[in-house]
Amino acid sequence: MVNYFGIELLSENQLTFYIKSTWSGGLQNCTVYISTSSDQSSFTEVIYEKIGVEQAQWNEVIVDIPAAYNNETVYLAFRNHAAGDALLLDDISISGKNM
């Protein structure tokens, strides 16, 4: 499953979120993609990938967004590679600086 949203960036941007798995049957995998288009086929650049998201505890993730996207409107997609809904995201935020 892929969910995405669009946002206008500033400069020196960071994506912060918390992630955990609720599935006891194994580890979950998560990838975050970035694009300047909302077309799902354009989500090819990976800015974060985690194989083996741990169960039962929230883990903070901080990702530096590439400078090539400064001052652009971008779309971020979060992909759970497993079937089902055993991957949780919380407190998604983006911070940056006005230049």
N, C-alpha and C. Protein backbone atom coordinates (compact mmCIF):
# COMPACT_ATOMS: atom_id res chain seq x y z
N MET A 1 0.84 -1.17 0.00
CA MET A 1 0.00 0.00 0.00
C MET A 1 0.89 1.24 0.00
N VAL A 2 0.51 2.24 -0.78
CA VAL A 2 1.26 3.49 -0.84
C VAL A 2 0.31 4.63 -0.51
N ASN A 3 0.69 5.45 0.44
CA ASN A 3 -0.04 6.67 0.77
C ASN A 3 0.91 7.83 0.57
N TYR A 4 0.39 8.95 0.03
CA TYR A 4 1.28 10.08 -0.21
C TYR A 4 0.58 11.39 0.08
N PHE A 5 1.39 12.45 0.25
CA PHE A 5 0.86 13.79 0.43
C PHE A 5 1.84 14.78 -0.16
N GLY A 6 1.34 15.98 -0.50
CA GLY A 6 2.18 17.02 -1.09
C GLY A 6 2.42 18.15 -0.11
N ILE A 7 3.59 18.80 -0.24
CA ILE A 7 3.95 19.90 0.63
C ILE A 7 4.98 20.78 -0.07
N GLU A 8 4.92 22.09 0.19
CA GLU A 8 5.93 23.01 -0.35
C GLU A 8 7.08 23.10 0.64
N LEU A 9 8.28 22.80 0.17
CA LEU A 9 9.46 22.78 1.02
C LEU A 9 10.13 24.15 1.11
N LEU A 10 10.94 24.32 2.12
CA LEU A 10 11.79 25.49 2.27
C LEU A 10 13.20 25.06 1.87
N SER A 11 14.21 25.34 2.68
CA SER A 11 15.56 24.82 2.43
C SER A 11 16.02 24.09 3.69
N GLU A 12 17.05 23.26 3.55
CA GLU A 12 17.56 22.44 4.66
C GLU A 12 16.42 21.70 5.35
N ASN A 13 15.67 20.95 4.57
CA ASN A 13 14.47 20.27 5.05
C ASN A 13 14.78 18.92 5.69
N GLN A 14 14.01 18.63 6.73
CA GLN A 14 14.08 17.32 7.37
C GLN A 14 12.68 16.77 7.56
N LEU A 15 12.55 15.49 7.28
CA LEU A 15 11.32 14.75 7.53
C LEU A 15 11.52 13.99 8.83
N THR A 16 10.56 14.12 9.75
CA THR A 16 10.61 13.39 11.01
C THR A 16 9.30 12.64 11.18
N PHE A 17 9.39 11.39 11.62
CA PHE A 17 8.19 10.62 11.93
C PHE A 17 8.55 9.48 12.89
N TYR A 18 7.52 8.88 13.45
CA TYR A 18 7.68 7.72 14.32
C TYR A 18 7.04 6.52 13.62
N ILE A 19 7.66 5.36 13.81
CA ILE A 19 7.22 4.16 13.11
C ILE A 19 7.28 2.96 14.05
N LYS A 20 6.32 2.04 13.89
CA LYS A 20 6.40 0.76 14.59
C LYS A 20 5.52 -0.25 13.86
N SER A 21 5.77 -1.51 14.15
CA SER A 21 4.99 -2.61 13.59
C SER A 21 4.05 -3.15 14.66
N THR A 22 2.89 -3.61 14.25
CA THR A 22 1.96 -4.24 15.19
C THR A 22 1.84 -5.74 14.94
N TRP A 23 2.61 -6.24 13.99
CA TRP A 23 2.49 -7.64 13.61
C TRP A 23 3.53 -8.47 14.33
N SER A 24 3.09 -9.50 15.04
CA SER A 24 4.02 -10.36 15.78
C SER A 24 4.59 -11.48 14.91
N GLY A 25 4.09 -11.63 13.69
CA GLY A 25 4.52 -12.72 12.83
C GLY A 25 5.79 -12.46 12.06
N GLY A 26 6.39 -11.32 12.22
CA GLY A 26 7.63 -11.01 11.51
C GLY A 26 7.83 -9.52 11.40
N LEU A 27 8.91 -9.14 10.78
CA LEU A 27 9.26 -7.73 10.66
C LEU A 27 8.60 -7.10 9.43
N GLN A 28 8.27 -5.84 9.53
CA GLN A 28 7.68 -5.08 8.44
C GLN A 28 8.77 -4.25 7.76
N ASN A 29 8.54 -3.92 6.49
CA ASN A 29 9.49 -3.10 5.73
C ASN A 29 8.80 -1.82 5.29
N CYS A 30 9.52 -0.70 5.35
CA CYS A 30 8.95 0.60 4.98
C CYS A 30 9.93 1.36 4.09
N THR A 31 9.38 2.00 3.06
CA THR A 31 10.17 2.86 2.18
C THR A 31 9.45 4.19 2.05
N VAL A 32 10.23 5.29 2.06
CA VAL A 32 9.68 6.62 1.81
C VAL A 32 10.26 7.12 0.49
N TYR A 33 9.38 7.52 -0.41
CA TYR A 33 9.76 8.03 -1.73
C TYR A 33 9.46 9.53 -1.80
N ILE A 34 10.16 10.23 -2.69
CA ILE A 34 9.91 11.65 -2.93
C ILE A 34 9.78 11.89 -4.43
N SER A 35 8.90 12.84 -4.79
CA SER A 35 8.70 13.18 -6.20
C SER A 35 8.18 14.61 -6.28
N THR A 36 8.32 15.22 -7.45
CA THR A 36 7.72 16.54 -7.68
C THR A 36 6.38 16.40 -8.39
N SER A 37 5.91 15.18 -8.55
CA SER A 37 4.62 14.91 -9.20
C SER A 37 3.79 13.99 -8.30
N SER A 38 2.48 14.14 -8.37
CA SER A 38 1.60 13.26 -7.60
C SER A 38 1.29 11.96 -8.33
N ASP A 39 1.78 11.81 -9.55
CA ASP A 39 1.59 10.58 -10.31
C ASP A 39 2.36 9.45 -9.61
N GLN A 40 1.66 8.41 -9.18
CA GLN A 40 2.32 7.35 -8.41
C GLN A 40 3.48 6.70 -9.14
N SER A 41 3.45 6.67 -10.46
CA SER A 41 4.56 6.06 -11.20
C SER A 41 5.84 6.90 -11.11
N SER A 42 5.72 8.16 -10.66
CA SER A 42 6.90 9.02 -10.55
C SER A 42 7.64 8.86 -9.22
N PHE A 43 7.09 8.08 -8.31
CA PHE A 43 7.75 7.89 -7.01
C PHE A 43 8.85 6.85 -7.16
N THR A 44 10.03 7.32 -7.59
CA THR A 44 11.16 6.40 -7.81
C THR A 44 12.35 6.71 -6.91
N GLU A 45 12.49 7.95 -6.41
CA GLU A 45 13.64 8.28 -5.57
C GLU A 45 13.34 7.93 -4.11
N VAL A 46 14.17 7.07 -3.56
CA VAL A 46 14.02 6.63 -2.18
C VAL A 46 14.84 7.56 -1.27
N ILE A 47 14.17 8.11 -0.23
CA ILE A 47 14.91 8.93 0.74
C ILE A 47 15.04 8.22 2.09
N TYR A 48 14.31 7.11 2.26
CA TYR A 48 14.42 6.32 3.49
C TYR A 48 13.95 4.90 3.20
N GLU A 49 14.68 3.94 3.75
CA GLU A 49 14.23 2.55 3.64
C GLU A 49 14.64 1.81 4.91
N LYS A 50 13.69 1.09 5.47
CA LYS A 50 13.94 0.31 6.68
C LYS A 50 13.42 -1.09 6.46
N ILE A 51 14.33 -2.05 6.55
CA ILE A 51 13.95 -3.45 6.46
C ILE A 51 13.97 -3.97 7.88
N GLY A 52 12.84 -4.42 8.34
CA GLY A 52 12.77 -4.95 9.70
C GLY A 52 12.35 -3.92 10.73
N VAL A 53 11.18 -3.30 10.54
CA VAL A 53 10.64 -2.38 11.53
C VAL A 53 10.24 -3.19 12.75
N GLU A 54 10.68 -2.75 13.92
CA GLU A 54 10.45 -3.50 15.15
C GLU A 54 9.01 -3.38 15.62
N GLN A 55 8.57 -4.43 16.31
CA GLN A 55 7.23 -4.46 16.86
C GLN A 55 7.22 -3.85 18.26
N ALA A 56 6.10 -3.24 18.59
CA ALA A 56 5.74 -2.83 19.95
C ALA A 56 6.45 -1.60 20.49
N GLN A 57 7.42 -1.04 19.81
CA GLN A 57 8.01 0.21 20.32
C GLN A 57 8.11 1.22 19.18
N TRP A 58 7.81 2.47 19.51
CA TRP A 58 7.92 3.54 18.53
C TRP A 58 9.38 3.90 18.33
N ASN A 59 9.78 4.07 17.08
CA ASN A 59 11.14 4.47 16.73
C ASN A 59 11.08 5.79 15.97
N GLU A 60 11.85 6.78 16.43
CA GLU A 60 11.91 8.07 15.73
C GLU A 60 12.82 7.94 14.52
N VAL A 61 12.36 8.49 13.41
CA VAL A 61 13.14 8.51 12.17
C VAL A 61 13.31 9.96 11.74
N ILE A 62 14.55 10.36 11.44
CA ILE A 62 14.84 11.70 10.93
C ILE A 62 15.57 11.54 9.60
N VAL A 63 15.01 12.13 8.55
CA VAL A 63 15.55 11.99 7.20
C VAL A 63 15.87 13.37 6.65
N ASP A 64 17.10 13.57 6.20
CA ASP A 64 17.46 14.80 5.49
C ASP A 64 16.92 14.70 4.07
N ILE A 65 16.10 15.66 3.68
CA ILE A 65 15.56 15.67 2.31
C ILE A 65 16.62 16.29 1.40
N PRO A 66 16.92 15.65 0.27
CA PRO A 66 17.97 16.16 -0.63
C PRO A 66 17.76 17.63 -1.00
N ALA A 67 18.85 18.39 -1.04
CA ALA A 67 18.81 19.83 -1.35
C ALA A 67 18.23 20.11 -2.72
N ALA A 68 18.26 19.15 -3.62
CA ALA A 68 17.69 19.35 -4.96
C ALA A 68 16.20 19.69 -4.89
N TYR A 69 15.55 19.39 -3.77
CA TYR A 69 14.11 19.66 -3.62
C TYR A 69 13.82 20.94 -2.85
N ASN A 70 14.85 21.70 -2.47
CA ASN A 70 14.63 22.96 -1.76
C ASN A 70 13.70 23.87 -2.55
N ASN A 71 12.76 24.48 -1.84
CA ASN A 71 11.82 25.46 -2.41
C ASN A 71 10.94 24.88 -3.51
N GLU A 72 10.75 23.57 -3.52
CA GLU A 72 9.89 22.90 -4.49
C GLU A 72 8.65 22.36 -3.78
N THR A 73 7.58 22.17 -4.52
CA THR A 73 6.45 21.41 -4.01
C THR A 73 6.75 19.95 -4.30
N VAL A 74 6.75 19.14 -3.24
CA VAL A 74 7.08 17.73 -3.39
C VAL A 74 5.95 16.87 -2.83
N TYR A 75 5.99 15.63 -3.21
CA TYR A 75 5.07 14.62 -2.72
C TYR A 75 5.90 13.52 -2.07
N LEU A 76 5.49 13.13 -0.88
CA LEU A 76 6.16 12.06 -0.17
C LEU A 76 5.22 10.87 -0.09
N ALA A 77 5.74 9.69 -0.35
CA ALA A 77 4.95 8.47 -0.30
C ALA A 77 5.56 7.51 0.72
N PHE A 78 4.72 6.95 1.56
CA PHE A 78 5.14 5.95 2.54
C PHE A 78 4.60 4.61 2.08
N ARG A 79 5.49 3.65 1.92
CA ARG A 79 5.07 2.33 1.41
C ARG A 79 5.39 1.24 2.43
N ASN A 80 4.37 0.47 2.75
CA ASN A 80 4.51 -0.74 3.55
C ASN A 80 4.61 -1.89 2.56
N HIS A 81 5.70 -2.66 2.62
CA HIS A 81 5.92 -3.72 1.63
C HIS A 81 5.18 -5.01 1.94
N ALA A 82 4.57 -5.11 3.10
CA ALA A 82 3.85 -6.32 3.47
C ALA A 82 2.36 -6.13 3.20
N ALA A 83 1.66 -7.23 3.08
CA ALA A 83 0.21 -7.16 2.93
C ALA A 83 -0.40 -6.79 4.29
N GLY A 84 -1.47 -6.04 4.26
CA GLY A 84 -2.14 -5.71 5.50
C GLY A 84 -1.77 -4.34 6.03
N ASP A 85 -2.13 -4.13 7.28
CA ASP A 85 -1.97 -2.80 7.88
C ASP A 85 -1.20 -2.88 9.20
N ALA A 86 -0.12 -3.63 9.23
CA ALA A 86 0.63 -3.84 10.46
C ALA A 86 1.74 -2.82 10.69
N LEU A 87 1.80 -1.77 9.88
CA LEU A 87 2.82 -0.74 10.03
C LEU A 87 2.14 0.57 10.42
N LEU A 88 2.59 1.16 11.51
CA LEU A 88 1.99 2.40 11.99
C LEU A 88 2.98 3.55 11.86
N LEU A 89 2.47 4.72 11.45
CA LEU A 89 3.23 5.97 11.38
C LEU A 89 2.54 6.99 12.27
N ASP A 90 3.32 7.87 12.88
CA ASP A 90 2.74 8.89 13.75
C ASP A 90 3.63 10.13 13.74
N ASP A 91 3.02 11.26 14.05
CA ASP A 91 3.73 12.54 14.20
C ASP A 91 4.63 12.86 13.02
N ILE A 92 4.09 12.76 11.82
CA ILE A 92 4.86 13.08 10.61
C ILE A 92 4.99 14.60 10.51
N SER A 93 6.23 15.08 10.37
CA SER A 93 6.44 16.53 10.24
C SER A 93 7.62 16.80 9.33
N ILE A 94 7.62 18.00 8.75
CA ILE A 94 8.73 18.47 7.93
C ILE A 94 9.15 19.83 8.45
N SER A 95 10.44 19.99 8.67
CA SER A 95 10.96 21.27 9.11
C SER A 95 11.97 21.76 8.09
N GLY A 96 12.09 23.07 7.98
CA GLY A 96 13.03 23.67 7.05
C GLY A 96 13.27 25.12 7.43
N LYS A 97 14.11 25.79 6.65
CA LYS A 97 14.45 27.19 6.92
C LYS A 97 14.03 28.05 5.74
N ASN A 98 13.51 29.24 6.04
CA ASN A 98 13.26 30.24 5.00
C ASN A 98 14.58 30.87 4.61
N MET A 99 14.83 30.96 3.33
CA MET A 99 16.08 31.58 2.87
C MET A 99 15.76 32.79 2.03
